[in-house]
Amino acid sequence: IPWEDLRYMIGEIMYGGHIVEAWDRRQARAYLEQILRPSLLDGAELCAGLPPPHAGLAQSQVVEWLQGLRLAEGPAAFGLHPNAAVGFRLREAAGLLASLSSMQQDSRSSNGAAPSSTAPPPPSKGASVAEGDEALAQVWEALPQPVEEA
């Protein structure tokens, strides 16, 4: 990492023009020398669970090292709480069920009748389940009961 170039870019190009006093510029330079140095990355991870490659590797070796990694793309890789995946999956499942329900409505209305604006009612508890509809019945049982609007 070109530390001197980073210090120059941050201290002189990006913020240096805003610091007009000589002593303030000197202080900013001292801060950058203390912060932007090789020890900054000691023990750091590129992302959760991924340590940086060894310092002595050539660029081609780093590319090979990166290609050999098998990373899970879970919430922890992005610094999120594990429950973030639960919320995402719930939203995706709700969208999938809404899509399936709308396709089912379209196929039922293909006989010329107007499609209904609501999902078909769930099967009653005592009704016999036709072959192939067991999965649909299980999904309906797992869904929360809708709230009746007054």
Foldseek 3Di string as FASTA:
>chain_A
DPLVVVLCCVLCVVCVVVDDDPVVSVVSSVVSVVQRDPCVLVVNAPFPPHHQDDPPDDPVVNVVVVVPDDDDPAPRRVPHDNCVVVVVVVVVVVVVVVVVQVVVQVVVCPVPNDGDPDGDDADDPPDDADPPCPVVNVVNVPDDDDDDDD
